[in-house]
Amino acid sequence: MNPIRRPPSTLTIHQAAGNSPSLARLTELVRESNDRLKAIESLLPEALRPAVKAGPIEGESWCLLVSSNAAAAKIRQLLPLIRTHLVGKGWKVTSIRLKILITKK
């Protein structure tokens, strides 16, 4: 008689992250980056908000992903205000980088 084989149980991303310290850290950084973007959203002109996405955090440096050079130029002017706002909220941010997202058409 053949034993009944059960499919391997699947894990949610949160369960997998809990089982792996490096994945848990990555998940935490993604959450924190999204939290930072939410915290500065009111500082961005409403028309530019859809052009900005949360990017990676590397130590005390944060990256914003921007959809165009024009949007990056405007946001670059706001970086001192954004950094001051984040520091006031308790995040250690010494620099904010902008990276232009290149979309394929």
C-alpha atoms as a PDB file:
ATOM      1  CA  MET A   1       0.000   0.000   0.000  1.00  0.00           C
ATOM      2  CA  ASN A   2       1.340   3.416  -0.937  1.00  0.00           C
ATOM      3  CA  PRO A   3       1.325   6.055   1.783  1.00  0.00           C
ATOM      4  CA  ILE A   4      -0.678   9.146   0.981  1.00  0.00           C
ATOM      5  CA  ARG A   5       1.607  11.972  -0.015  1.00  0.00           C
ATOM      6  CA  ARG A   6       0.711  15.356   1.239  1.00  0.00           C
ATOM      7  CA  PRO A   7       1.799  18.382  -0.714  1.00  0.00           C
ATOM      8  CA  PRO A   8       4.415  20.458   1.085  1.00  0.00           C
ATOM      9  CA  SER A   9       2.817  23.154   3.149  1.00  0.00           C
ATOM     10  CA  THR A  10       3.112  26.629   1.724  1.00  0.00           C
ATOM     11  CA  LEU A  11       4.294  29.577   3.733  1.00  0.00           C
ATOM     12  CA  THR A  12       3.120  33.119   3.574  1.00  0.00           C
ATOM     13  CA  ILE A  13       5.819  35.723   2.975  1.00  0.00           C
ATOM     14  CA  HIS A  14       5.520  36.775   6.610  1.00  0.00           C
ATOM     15  CA  GLN A  15       6.072  33.196   7.808  1.00  0.00           C
ATOM     16  CA  ALA A  16       9.051  32.774   5.474  1.00  0.00           C
ATOM     17  CA  ALA A  17      10.503  36.076   6.665  1.00  0.00           C
ATOM     18  CA  GLY A  18      10.138  34.923  10.252  1.00  0.00           C
ATOM     19  CA  ASN A  19      12.164  31.802   9.446  1.00  0.00           C
ATOM     20  CA  SER A  20      15.008  33.697   7.766  1.00  0.00           C
ATOM     21  CA  PRO A  21      16.808  36.569   9.519  1.00  0.00           C
ATOM     22  CA  SER A  22      18.042  38.065   6.228  1.00  0.00           C
ATOM     23  CA  LEU A  23      14.579  37.922   4.655  1.00  0.00           C
ATOM     24  CA  ALA A  24      13.074  39.375   7.835  1.00  0.00           C
ATOM     25  CA  ARG A  25      15.541  42.297   7.658  1.00  0.00           C
ATOM     26  CA  LEU A  26      14.731  42.882   3.991  1.00  0.00           C
ATOM     27  CA  THR A  27      11.001  42.855   4.751  1.00  0.00           C
ATOM     28  CA  GLU A  28      11.571  45.366   7.560  1.00  0.00           C
ATOM     29  CA  LEU A  29      13.551  47.685   5.257  1.00  0.00           C
ATOM     30  CA  VAL A  30      10.801  47.581   2.608  1.00  0.00           C
ATOM     31  CA  ARG A  31       8.186  48.421   5.238  1.00  0.00           C
ATOM     32  CA  GLU A  32      10.301  51.252   6.634  1.00  0.00           C
ATOM     33  CA  SER A  33      10.928  52.685   3.171  1.00  0.00           C
ATOM     34  CA  ASN A  34       7.191  52.690   2.457  1.00  0.00           C
ATOM     35  CA  ASP A  35       6.546  54.312   5.852  1.00  0.00           C
ATOM     36  CA  ARG A  36       9.052  57.054   5.029  1.00  0.00           C
ATOM     37  CA  LEU A  37       7.345  57.733   1.708  1.00  0.00           C
ATOM     38  CA  LYS A  38       3.981  58.017   3.454  1.00  0.00           C
ATOM     39  CA  ALA A  39       5.537  60.416   5.971  1.00  0.00           C
ATOM     40  CA  ILE A  40       6.767  62.794   3.243  1.00  0.00           C
ATOM     41  CA  GLU A  41       3.842  62.489   0.861  1.00  0.00           C
ATOM     42  CA  SER A  42       2.282  65.736   2.069  1.00  0.00           C
ATOM     43  CA  LEU A  43       5.539  67.582   1.254  1.00  0.00           C
ATOM     44  CA  LEU A  44       5.381  66.560  -2.408  1.00  0.00           C
ATOM     45  CA  PRO A  45       3.298  68.532  -4.878  1.00  0.00           C
ATOM     46  CA  GLU A  46       0.130  66.543  -5.514  1.00  0.00           C
ATOM     47  CA  ALA A  47       0.870  66.202  -9.239  1.00  0.00           C
ATOM     48  CA  LEU A  48       4.277  64.623  -8.475  1.00  0.00           C
ATOM     49  CA  ARG A  49       3.131  62.074  -5.898  1.00  0.00           C
ATOM     50  CA  PRO A  50       2.380  59.328  -8.451  1.00  0.00           C
ATOM     51  CA  ALA A  51       5.868  59.836  -9.934  1.00  0.00           C
ATOM     52  CA  VAL A  52       7.663  58.862  -6.710  1.00  0.00           C
ATOM     53  CA  LYS A  53       8.141  55.388  -5.243  1.00  0.00           C
ATOM     54  CA  ALA A  54       9.953  54.219  -2.136  1.00  0.00           C
ATOM     55  CA  GLY A  55      13.400  52.848  -2.854  1.00  0.00           C
ATOM     56  CA  PRO A  56      16.077  51.008  -0.913  1.00  0.00           C
ATOM     57  CA  ILE A  57      17.514  52.034   2.439  1.00  0.00           C
ATOM     58  CA  GLU A  58      21.254  51.590   2.850  1.00  0.00           C
ATOM     59  CA  GLY A  59      22.386  52.577   6.314  1.00  0.00           C
ATOM     60  CA  GLU A  60      21.479  56.249   6.752  1.00  0.00           C
ATOM     61  CA  SER A  61      20.937  56.791   3.022  1.00  0.00           C
ATOM     62  CA  TRP A  62      17.508  56.463   1.421  1.00  0.00           C
ATOM     63  CA  CYS A  63      16.685  56.296  -2.272  1.00  0.00           C
ATOM     64  CA  LEU A  64      13.559  57.628  -3.942  1.00  0.00           C
ATOM     65  CA  LEU A  65      12.620  56.161  -7.306  1.00  0.00           C
ATOM     66  CA  VAL A  66      11.321  58.842  -9.658  1.00  0.00           C
ATOM     67  CA  SER A  67       9.582  58.384 -13.009  1.00  0.00           C
ATOM     68  CA  SER A  68      11.225  61.234 -14.941  1.00  0.00           C
ATOM     69  CA  ASN A  69      14.070  63.734 -15.027  1.00  0.00           C
ATOM     70  CA  ALA A  70      11.607  66.615 -14.706  1.00  0.00           C
ATOM     71  CA  ALA A  71      10.050  65.153 -11.559  1.00  0.00           C
ATOM     72  CA  ALA A  72      13.518  64.468 -10.136  1.00  0.00           C
ATOM     73  CA  ALA A  73      14.565  68.080 -10.735  1.00  0.00           C
ATOM     74  CA  LYS A  74      11.584  69.373  -8.746  1.00  0.00           C
ATOM     75  CA  ILE A  75      12.016  66.829  -5.956  1.00  0.00           C
ATOM     76  CA  ARG A  76      15.740  67.604  -5.742  1.00  0.00           C
ATOM     77  CA  GLN A  77      14.742  71.116  -4.629  1.00  0.00           C
ATOM     78  CA  LEU A  78      12.688  69.602  -1.805  1.00  0.00           C
ATOM     79  CA  LEU A  79      15.374  67.230  -0.481  1.00  0.00           C
ATOM     80  CA  PRO A  80      16.530  69.444   2.428  1.00  0.00           C
ATOM     81  CA  LEU A  81      12.922  69.814   3.601  1.00  0.00           C
ATOM     82  CA  ILE A  82      12.259  66.075   3.161  1.00  0.00           C
ATOM     83  CA  ARG A  83      15.387  65.101   5.101  1.00  0.00           C
ATOM     84  CA  THR A  84      14.598  67.525   7.936  1.00  0.00           C
ATOM     85  CA  HIS A  85      11.049  66.181   8.117  1.00  0.00           C
ATOM     86  CA  LEU A  86      12.235  62.553   8.308  1.00  0.00           C
ATOM     87  CA  VAL A  87      14.820  63.355  10.987  1.00  0.00           C
ATOM     88  CA  GLY A  88      12.081  65.130  12.941  1.00  0.00           C
ATOM     89  CA  LYS A  89      10.036  61.923  12.756  1.00  0.00           C
ATOM     90  CA  GLY A  90      12.921  59.966  14.283  1.00  0.00           C
ATOM     91  CA  TRP A  91      14.586  58.387  11.235  1.00  0.00           C
ATOM     92  CA  LYS A  92      18.354  58.636  10.828  1.00  0.00           C
ATOM     93  CA  VAL A  93      18.666  59.981   7.298  1.00  0.00           C
ATOM     94  CA  THR A  94      21.882  61.704   6.309  1.00  0.00           C
ATOM     95  CA  SER A  95      21.285  61.589   2.556  1.00  0.00           C
ATOM     96  CA  ILE A  96      18.516  61.002   0.061  1.00  0.00           C
ATOM     97  CA  ARG A  97      19.355  59.816  -3.438  1.00  0.00           C
ATOM     98  CA  LEU A  98      17.101  60.022  -6.466  1.00  0.00           C
ATOM     99  CA  LYS A  99      17.073  57.345  -9.119  1.00  0.00           C
ATOM    100  CA  ILE A 100      15.227  57.777 -12.393  1.00  0.00           C
ATOM    101  CA  LEU A 101      13.143  54.743 -13.340  1.00  0.00           C
ATOM    102  CA  ILE A 102      13.448  53.869 -16.990  1.00  0.00           C
ATOM    103  CA  THR A 103      10.252  52.386 -18.343  1.00  0.00           C
ATOM    104  CA  LYS A 104      10.161  50.347 -21.527  1.00  0.00           C
ATOM    105  CA  LYS A 105       7.483  51.292 -23.987  1.00  0.00           C
END
